[in-house]
């Protein structure tokens, strides 16, 4: 349903972890964008009688 990649580091040092966190943020933003594109048009909240 969502197209994303799981970031994985190769060195395991502090800089590698920073780079992985940055890539995780980018992938999270991609997932959010895809979710918003898939949302149907119209009101989000249901009206309560």
PDB file of N, CA and C in Angstrom:
ATOM      1  N   UNK A   1       0.812  -1.192   0.000  1.00  0.00           N
ATOM      2  CA  UNK A   1       0.000   0.000   0.000  1.00  0.00           C
ATOM      3  C   UNK A   1       0.858   1.259   0.000  1.00  0.00           C
ATOM      4  N   UNK A   2       1.980   1.219   0.698  1.00  0.00           N
ATOM      5  CA  UNK A   2       2.893   2.360   0.717  1.00  0.00           C
ATOM      6  C   UNK A   2       4.247   1.929   0.174  1.00  0.00           C
ATOM      7  N   UNK A   3       4.842   2.811  -0.599  1.00  0.00           N
ATOM      8  CA  UNK A   3       6.156   2.541  -1.176  1.00  0.00           C
ATOM      9  C   UNK A   3       7.202   3.267  -0.336  1.00  0.00           C
ATOM     10  N   UNK A   4       8.061   2.514   0.351  1.00  0.00           N
ATOM     11  CA  UNK A   4       9.124   3.123   1.147  1.00  0.00           C
ATOM     12  C   UNK A   4      10.277   2.143   1.281  1.00  0.00           C
ATOM     13  N   UNK A   5      11.407   2.665   1.688  1.00  0.00           N
ATOM     14  CA  UNK A   5      12.583   1.833   1.914  1.00  0.00           C
ATOM     15  C   UNK A   5      12.999   1.965   3.373  1.00  0.00           C
ATOM     16  N   UNK A   6      13.509   0.885   3.931  1.00  0.00           N
ATOM     17  CA  UNK A   6      13.986   0.900   5.312  1.00  0.00           C
ATOM     18  C   UNK A   6      15.462   1.273   5.296  1.00  0.00           C
ATOM     19  N   UNK A   7      15.812   2.436   5.886  1.00  0.00           N
ATOM     20  CA  UNK A   7      17.220   2.840   5.909  1.00  0.00           C
ATOM     21  C   UNK A   7      18.042   1.925   6.813  1.00  0.00           C
ATOM     22  N   UNK A   8      19.203   1.540   6.329  1.00  0.00           N
ATOM     23  CA  UNK A   8      20.100   0.671   7.088  1.00  0.00           C
ATOM     24  C   UNK A   8      21.509   1.227   6.961  1.00  0.00           C
ATOM     25  N   UNK A   9      22.190   1.337   8.084  1.00  0.00           N
ATOM     26  CA  UNK A   9      23.574   1.785   8.069  1.00  0.00           C
ATOM     27  C   UNK A   9      24.522   0.627   7.821  1.00  0.00           C
ATOM     28  N   UNK A  10      25.776   0.975   7.548  1.00  0.00           N
ATOM     29  CA  UNK A  10      26.753  -0.080   7.271  1.00  0.00           C
ATOM     30  C   UNK A  10      27.947  -0.052   8.225  1.00  0.00           C
ATOM     31  N   UNK A  11      28.161   1.083   8.894  1.00  0.00           N
ATOM     32  CA  UNK A  11      29.338   1.190   9.759  1.00  0.00           C
ATOM     33  C   UNK A  11      29.014   1.053  11.243  1.00  0.00           C
ATOM     34  N   UNK A  12      27.850   1.529  11.670  1.00  0.00           N
ATOM     35  CA  UNK A  12      27.462   1.418  13.065  1.00  0.00           C
ATOM     36  C   UNK A  12      28.039   2.484  13.972  1.00  0.00           C
ATOM     37  N   UNK A  13      28.748   3.457  13.402  1.00  0.00           N
ATOM     38  CA  UNK A  13      29.295   4.524  14.235  1.00  0.00           C
ATOM     39  C   UNK A  13      28.259   5.632  14.412  1.00  0.00           C
ATOM     40  N   UNK A  14      28.611   6.662  15.179  1.00  0.00           N
ATOM     41  CA  UNK A  14      27.680   7.746  15.491  1.00  0.00           C
ATOM     42  C   UNK A  14      27.207   8.459  14.228  1.00  0.00           C
ATOM     43  N   UNK A  15      28.107   8.737  13.294  1.00  0.00           N
ATOM     44  CA  UNK A  15      27.720   9.431  12.065  1.00  0.00           C
ATOM     45  C   UNK A  15      26.754   8.569  11.242  1.00  0.00           C
ATOM     46  N   UNK A  16      27.003   7.300  11.197  1.00  0.00           N
ATOM     47  CA  UNK A  16      26.127   6.385  10.473  1.00  0.00           C
ATOM     48  C   UNK A  16      24.721   6.423  11.065  1.00  0.00           C
ATOM     49  N   UNK A  17      24.617   6.473  12.386  1.00  0.00           N
ATOM     50  CA  UNK A  17      23.304   6.544  13.034  1.00  0.00           C
ATOM     51  C   UNK A  17      22.602   7.852  12.708  1.00  0.00           C
ATOM     52  N   UNK A  18      23.353   8.956  12.627  1.00  0.00           N
ATOM     53  CA  UNK A  18      22.768  10.247  12.249  1.00  0.00           C
ATOM     54  C   UNK A  18      22.204  10.169  10.831  1.00  0.00           C
ATOM     55  N   UNK A  19      22.965   9.597   9.927  1.00  0.00           N
ATOM     56  CA  UNK A  19      22.527   9.476   8.532  1.00  0.00           C
ATOM     57  C   UNK A  19      21.282   8.597   8.443  1.00  0.00           C
ATOM     58  N   UNK A  20      21.251   7.508   9.199  1.00  0.00           N
ATOM     59  CA  UNK A  20      20.084   6.623   9.189  1.00  0.00           C
ATOM     60  C   UNK A  20      18.864   7.369   9.723  1.00  0.00           C
ATOM     61  N   UNK A  21      19.009   8.130  10.793  1.00  0.00           N
ATOM     62  CA  UNK A  21      17.880   8.898  11.348  1.00  0.00           C
ATOM     63  C   UNK A  21      17.357   9.898  10.322  1.00  0.00           C
ATOM     64  N   UNK A  22      18.264  10.562   9.609  1.00  0.00           N
ATOM     65  CA  UNK A  22      17.852  11.520   8.576  1.00  0.00           C
ATOM     66  C   UNK A  22      17.055  10.813   7.488  1.00  0.00           C
ATOM     67  N   UNK A  23      17.525   9.663   7.063  1.00  0.00           N
ATOM     68  CA  UNK A  23      16.816   8.899   6.032  1.00  0.00           C
ATOM     69  C   UNK A  23      15.462   8.398   6.547  1.00  0.00           C
ATOM     70  N   UNK A  24      15.384   8.062   7.837  1.00  0.00           N
ATOM     71  CA  UNK A  24      14.103   7.650   8.411  1.00  0.00           C
ATOM     72  C   UNK A  24      13.092   8.788   8.358  1.00  0.00           C
ATOM     73  N   UNK A  25      13.549  10.002   8.620  1.00  0.00           N
ATOM     74  CA  UNK A  25      12.669  11.171   8.549  1.00  0.00           C
ATOM     75  C   UNK A  25      12.167  11.371   7.127  1.00  0.00           C
ATOM     76  N   UNK A  26      13.055  11.235   6.155  1.00  0.00           N
ATOM     77  CA  UNK A  26      12.672  11.392   4.749  1.00  0.00           C
ATOM     78  C   UNK A  26      11.653  10.326   4.359  1.00  0.00           C
ATOM     79  N   UNK A  27      11.890   9.084   4.753  1.00  0.00           N
ATOM     80  CA  UNK A  27      10.959   8.007   4.422  1.00  0.00           C
ATOM     81  C   UNK A  27       9.613   8.212   5.125  1.00  0.00           C
ATOM     82  N   UNK A  28       9.636   8.717   6.353  1.00  0.00           N
ATOM     83  CA  UNK A  28       8.389   9.003   7.065  1.00  0.00           C
ATOM     84  C   UNK A  28       7.579  10.055   6.323  1.00  0.00           C
ATOM     85  N   UNK A  29       8.249  11.082   5.826  1.00  0.00           N
ATOM     86  CA  UNK A  29       7.561  12.121   5.054  1.00  0.00           C
ATOM     87  C   UNK A  29       6.957  11.536   3.779  1.00  0.00           C
ATOM     88  N   UNK A  30       7.668  10.625   3.128  1.00  0.00           N
ATOM     89  CA  UNK A  30       7.135   9.971   1.922  1.00  0.00           C
ATOM     90  C   UNK A  30       5.872   9.176   2.243  1.00  0.00           C
ATOM     91  N   UNK A  31       5.880   8.469   3.364  1.00  0.00           N
ATOM     92  CA  UNK A  31       4.706   7.687   3.760  1.00  0.00           C
ATOM     93  C   UNK A  31       3.521   8.612   4.031  1.00  0.00           C
ATOM     94  N   UNK A  32       3.766   9.723   4.718  1.00  0.00           N
ATOM     95  CA  UNK A  32       2.694  10.684   5.004  1.00  0.00           C
ATOM     96  C   UNK A  32       2.124  11.252   3.714  1.00  0.00           C
ATOM     97  N   UNK A  33       2.995  11.622   2.772  1.00  0.00           N
ATOM     98  CA  UNK A  33       2.530  12.146   1.485  1.00  0.00           C
ATOM     99  C   UNK A  33       1.672  11.119   0.759  1.00  0.00           C
ATOM    100  N   UNK A  34       2.098   9.865   0.751  1.00  0.00           N
ATOM    101  CA  UNK A  34       1.335   8.814   0.078  1.00  0.00           C
ATOM    102  C   UNK A  34      -0.015   8.591   0.765  1.00  0.00           C
ATOM    103  N   UNK A  35      -0.030   8.650   2.091  1.00  0.00           N
ATOM    104  CA  UNK A  35      -1.284   8.468   2.823  1.00  0.00           C
ATOM    105  C   UNK A  35      -2.260   9.595   2.497  1.00  0.00           C
ATOM    106  N   UNK A  36      -1.754  10.821   2.424  1.00  0.00           N
ATOM    107  CA  UNK A  36      -2.621  11.952   2.093  1.00  0.00           C
ATOM    108  C   UNK A  36      -3.160  11.841   0.676  1.00  0.00           C
ATOM    109  N   UNK A  37      -2.345  11.358  -0.251  1.00  0.00           N
ATOM    110  CA  UNK A  37      -2.794  11.187  -1.633  1.00  0.00           C
ATOM    111  C   UNK A  37      -3.885  10.120  -1.738  1.00  0.00           C
ATOM    112  N   UNK A  38      -3.856   9.131  -0.857  1.00  0.00           N
ATOM    113  CA  UNK A  38      -4.823   8.035  -0.913  1.00  0.00           C
ATOM    114  C   UNK A  38      -6.113   8.328  -0.152  1.00  0.00           C
ATOM    115  N   UNK A  39      -6.127   9.422   0.607  1.00  0.00           N
ATOM    116  CA  UNK A  39      -7.338   9.750   1.368  1.00  0.00           C
ATOM    117  C   UNK A  39      -8.456  10.153   0.417  1.00  0.00           C
ATOM    118  N   UNK A  40      -9.658   9.669   0.674  1.00  0.00           N
ATOM    119  CA  UNK A  40     -10.774  10.059  -0.180  1.00  0.00           C
ATOM    120  C   UNK A  40     -11.141  11.530   0.030  1.00  0.00           C
ATOM    121  N   UNK A  41     -11.745  12.113  -1.005  1.00  0.00           N
ATOM    122  CA  UNK A  41     -12.192  13.502  -0.917  1.00  0.00           C
ATOM    123  C   UNK A  41     -13.366  13.601   0.048  1.00  0.00           C
ATOM    124  N   UNK A  42     -13.576  14.771   0.582  1.00  0.00           N
ATOM    125  CA  UNK A  42     -14.744  15.009   1.429  1.00  0.00           C
ATOM    126  C   UNK A  42     -14.360  15.280   2.868  1.00  0.00           C
ATOM    127  N   UNK A  43     -15.400  15.326   3.687  1.00  0.00           N
ATOM    128  CA  UNK A  43     -15.195  15.635   5.097  1.00  0.00           C
ATOM    129  C   UNK A  43     -14.450  14.502   5.793  1.00  0.00           C
ATOM    130  N   UNK A  44     -13.658  14.879   6.772  1.00  0.00           N
ATOM    131  CA  UNK A  44     -12.875  13.898   7.512  1.00  0.00           C
ATOM    132  C   UNK A  44     -13.657  13.401   8.726  1.00  0.00           C
ATOM    133  N   UNK A  45     -14.373  14.303   9.358  1.00  0.00           N
ATOM    134  CA  UNK A  45     -15.129  13.937  10.556  1.00  0.00           C
ATOM    135  C   UNK A  45     -16.557  13.553  10.192  1.00  0.00           C
ATOM    136  N   UNK A  46     -17.069  12.558  10.866  1.00  0.00           N
ATOM    137  CA  UNK A  46     -18.455  12.151  10.659  1.00  0.00           C
ATOM    138  C   UNK A  46     -19.372  13.044  11.489  1.00  0.00           C
ATOM    139  N   UNK A  47     -20.519  13.384  10.923  1.00  0.00           N
ATOM    140  CA  UNK A  47     -21.491  14.183  11.664  1.00  0.00           C
ATOM    141  C   UNK A  47     -22.254  13.271  12.622  1.00  0.00           C
ATOM    142  N   UNK A  48     -22.373  13.721  13.856  1.00  0.00           N
ATOM    143  CA  UNK A  48     -23.082  12.961  14.878  1.00  0.00           C
ATOM    144  C   UNK A  48     -24.497  13.516  14.972  1.00  0.00           C
ATOM    145  N   UNK A  49     -25.506  12.648  14.935  1.00  0.00           N
ATOM    146  CA  UNK A  49     -26.893  13.152  14.995  1.00  0.00           C
ATOM    147  C   UNK A  49     -27.233  13.798  16.318  1.00  0.00           C
TER     148      UNK A  49
END
